[in-house]
Structure formats: C-alpha cells, structure tokens
C-alpha cells in the first residue's frame, strides 16, 4: 500500500512527504535509516528498534543461563574492580 510518492532530484535528493514525516515523527534534524530486504528498500526513523532486534544484536546465540541477583551484583563488582584497578 503506497501512502505517498516522492521524486528524485538530479542531485539524488528526495523530499519526505508530510504524511510520512507525521507517521514517523520526523522533524528538522531527524535521522532516518534505509534498510534493504531483497529487492525492497525500507525507510525508518533511526533508533527505532524492536526489543527482539535489540535482543538479537546483544545475544546472537540466544540469552545465557538465568542468574540470581547475587550473581549479577558480584559480576558488576568484579567488572568495576577490573576496570578501575591501578596498573
């Protein structure tokens, strides 16, 4: 379903139609991403990712084993200690 149409200028520029700007919440200075899927290209507002996409990016092999709160705090302490250790 086409919601709007744009024309490409000789310099490769495209104006984003008002309806698309409203739907994506775009304003001056907004950044957009161009994504490709086969022979289709999608435009979306940069920074809008689903929780599934974020999870896949952080844990490509799937989430690790569940940890207790005590284990999580111990891991954070160990990381901070290593990061701020005097060399």
C-alpha atoms as a PDB file:
ATOM      1  CA  UNK A   1       0.000   0.000   0.000  1.00  0.00           C
ATOM      2  CA  UNK A   2       1.545   3.274  -1.108  1.00  0.00           C
ATOM      3  CA  UNK A   3       0.981   6.149   1.315  1.00  0.00           C
ATOM      4  CA  UNK A   4       2.970   8.785  -0.584  1.00  0.00           C
ATOM      5  CA  UNK A   5       5.235   9.308  -3.568  1.00  0.00           C
ATOM      6  CA  UNK A   6       8.429  11.351  -3.990  1.00  0.00           C
ATOM      7  CA  UNK A   7      10.543  12.377  -6.955  1.00  0.00           C
ATOM      8  CA  UNK A   8      14.340  12.064  -7.036  1.00  0.00           C
ATOM      9  CA  UNK A   9      16.231  15.247  -7.959  1.00  0.00           C
ATOM     10  CA  UNK A  10      19.219  15.319 -10.317  1.00  0.00           C
ATOM     11  CA  UNK A  11      21.450  15.507  -7.209  1.00  0.00           C
ATOM     12  CA  UNK A  12      19.946  12.339  -5.700  1.00  0.00           C
ATOM     13  CA  UNK A  13      17.834  14.144  -3.111  1.00  0.00           C
ATOM     14  CA  UNK A  14      14.363  13.087  -2.012  1.00  0.00           C
ATOM     15  CA  UNK A  15      11.756  15.099  -0.122  1.00  0.00           C
ATOM     16  CA  UNK A  16       9.927  13.097   2.516  1.00  0.00           C
ATOM     17  CA  UNK A  17       6.172  13.667   2.146  1.00  0.00           C
ATOM     18  CA  UNK A  18       4.349  15.287   5.059  1.00  0.00           C
ATOM     19  CA  UNK A  19       2.229  12.175   5.736  1.00  0.00           C
ATOM     20  CA  UNK A  20       5.359  10.027   6.086  1.00  0.00           C
ATOM     21  CA  UNK A  21       7.018  12.629   8.349  1.00  0.00           C
ATOM     22  CA  UNK A  22       3.929  12.648  10.574  1.00  0.00           C
ATOM     23  CA  UNK A  23       3.754   8.852  10.776  1.00  0.00           C
ATOM     24  CA  UNK A  24       7.451   8.519  11.596  1.00  0.00           C
ATOM     25  CA  UNK A  25       7.562  11.544  13.907  1.00  0.00           C
ATOM     26  CA  UNK A  26      10.272  13.235  11.812  1.00  0.00           C
ATOM     27  CA  UNK A  27      11.277  16.852  12.167  1.00  0.00           C
ATOM     28  CA  UNK A  28      14.249  19.032  11.256  1.00  0.00           C
ATOM     29  CA  UNK A  29      17.480  17.218  12.115  1.00  0.00           C
ATOM     30  CA  UNK A  30      15.856  13.778  12.317  1.00  0.00           C
ATOM     31  CA  UNK A  31      17.962  10.874  11.101  1.00  0.00           C
ATOM     32  CA  UNK A  32      16.465   8.094   9.002  1.00  0.00           C
ATOM     33  CA  UNK A  33      17.756   4.615   8.157  1.00  0.00           C
ATOM     34  CA  UNK A  34      17.462   2.984   4.744  1.00  0.00           C
ATOM     35  CA  UNK A  35      17.142  -0.804   5.071  1.00  0.00           C
ATOM     36  CA  UNK A  36      17.267  -3.349   2.276  1.00  0.00           C
ATOM     37  CA  UNK A  37      15.415  -6.648   2.186  1.00  0.00           C
ATOM     38  CA  UNK A  38      15.901  -8.401  -1.141  1.00  0.00           C
ATOM     39  CA  UNK A  39      14.657  -6.076  -3.861  1.00  0.00           C
ATOM     40  CA  UNK A  40      12.793  -3.776  -1.433  1.00  0.00           C
ATOM     41  CA  UNK A  41      14.127  -0.773   0.484  1.00  0.00           C
ATOM     42  CA  UNK A  42      12.541   0.426   3.725  1.00  0.00           C
ATOM     43  CA  UNK A  43      12.894   3.824   5.367  1.00  0.00           C
ATOM     44  CA  UNK A  44      12.547   4.160   9.121  1.00  0.00           C
ATOM     45  CA  UNK A  45      13.408   6.630  11.805  1.00  0.00           C
ATOM     46  CA  UNK A  46      16.881   5.877  13.168  1.00  0.00           C
ATOM     47  CA  UNK A  47      16.994   4.414  16.648  1.00  0.00           C
ATOM     48  CA  UNK A  48      13.647   2.676  16.483  1.00  0.00           C
ATOM     49  CA  UNK A  49      14.325  -0.978  17.009  1.00  0.00           C
ATOM     50  CA  UNK A  50      12.080  -3.651  18.407  1.00  0.00           C
ATOM     51  CA  UNK A  51      13.074  -5.426  21.601  1.00  0.00           C
ATOM     52  CA  UNK A  52      13.545  -8.587  19.506  1.00  0.00           C
ATOM     53  CA  UNK A  53      16.071  -6.782  17.258  1.00  0.00           C
ATOM     54  CA  UNK A  54      17.971  -5.433  20.269  1.00  0.00           C
ATOM     55  CA  UNK A  55      17.994  -8.854  21.920  1.00  0.00           C
ATOM     56  CA  UNK A  56      19.261 -10.499  18.708  1.00  0.00           C
ATOM     57  CA  UNK A  57      22.040  -7.906  18.400  1.00  0.00           C
ATOM     58  CA  UNK A  58      23.133  -8.355  22.031  1.00  0.00           C
ATOM     59  CA  UNK A  59      22.721 -12.122  22.221  1.00  0.00           C
ATOM     60  CA  UNK A  60      23.216 -13.657  18.747  1.00  0.00           C
ATOM     61  CA  UNK A  61      23.409 -17.185  20.220  1.00  0.00           C
ATOM     62  CA  UNK A  62      20.408 -16.610  22.473  1.00  0.00           C
ATOM     63  CA  UNK A  63      20.189 -15.453  26.073  1.00  0.00           C
ATOM     64  CA  UNK A  64      22.513 -17.039  28.596  1.00  0.00           C
ATOM     65  CA  UNK A  65      21.528 -19.006  31.645  1.00  0.00           C
ATOM     66  CA  UNK A  66      19.434 -17.121  34.219  1.00  0.00           C
ATOM     67  CA  UNK A  67      21.436 -15.590  37.060  1.00  0.00           C
ATOM     68  CA  UNK A  68      20.435 -14.695  40.601  1.00  0.00           C
ATOM     69  CA  UNK A  69      20.569 -11.117  41.821  1.00  0.00           C
ATOM     70  CA  UNK A  70      23.561 -12.025  43.994  1.00  0.00           C
ATOM     71  CA  UNK A  71      25.442 -13.362  40.932  1.00  0.00           C
ATOM     72  CA  UNK A  72      24.607 -10.259  38.896  1.00  0.00           C
ATOM     73  CA  UNK A  73      25.851  -7.917  41.636  1.00  0.00           C
ATOM     74  CA  UNK A  74      29.052  -9.964  42.052  1.00  0.00           C
ATOM     75  CA  UNK A  75      29.672  -9.759  38.308  1.00  0.00           C
ATOM     76  CA  UNK A  76      29.174  -5.984  38.312  1.00  0.00           C
ATOM     77  CA  UNK A  77      31.546  -5.589  41.275  1.00  0.00           C
ATOM     78  CA  UNK A  78      34.200  -7.715  39.551  1.00  0.00           C
ATOM     79  CA  UNK A  79      33.884  -5.724  36.328  1.00  0.00           C
ATOM     80  CA  UNK A  80      34.149  -2.366  38.118  1.00  0.00           C
ATOM     81  CA  UNK A  81      37.140  -3.613  40.129  1.00  0.00           C
ATOM     82  CA  UNK A  82      38.947  -4.745  36.965  1.00  0.00           C
ATOM     83  CA  UNK A  83      38.094  -1.554  35.091  1.00  0.00           C
ATOM     84  CA  UNK A  84      39.297   0.769  37.875  1.00  0.00           C
ATOM     85  CA  UNK A  85      42.244  -1.291  39.076  1.00  0.00           C
ATOM     86  CA  UNK A  86      45.537   0.576  39.308  1.00  0.00           C
ATOM     87  CA  UNK A  87      48.026  -0.577  36.750  1.00  0.00           C
END
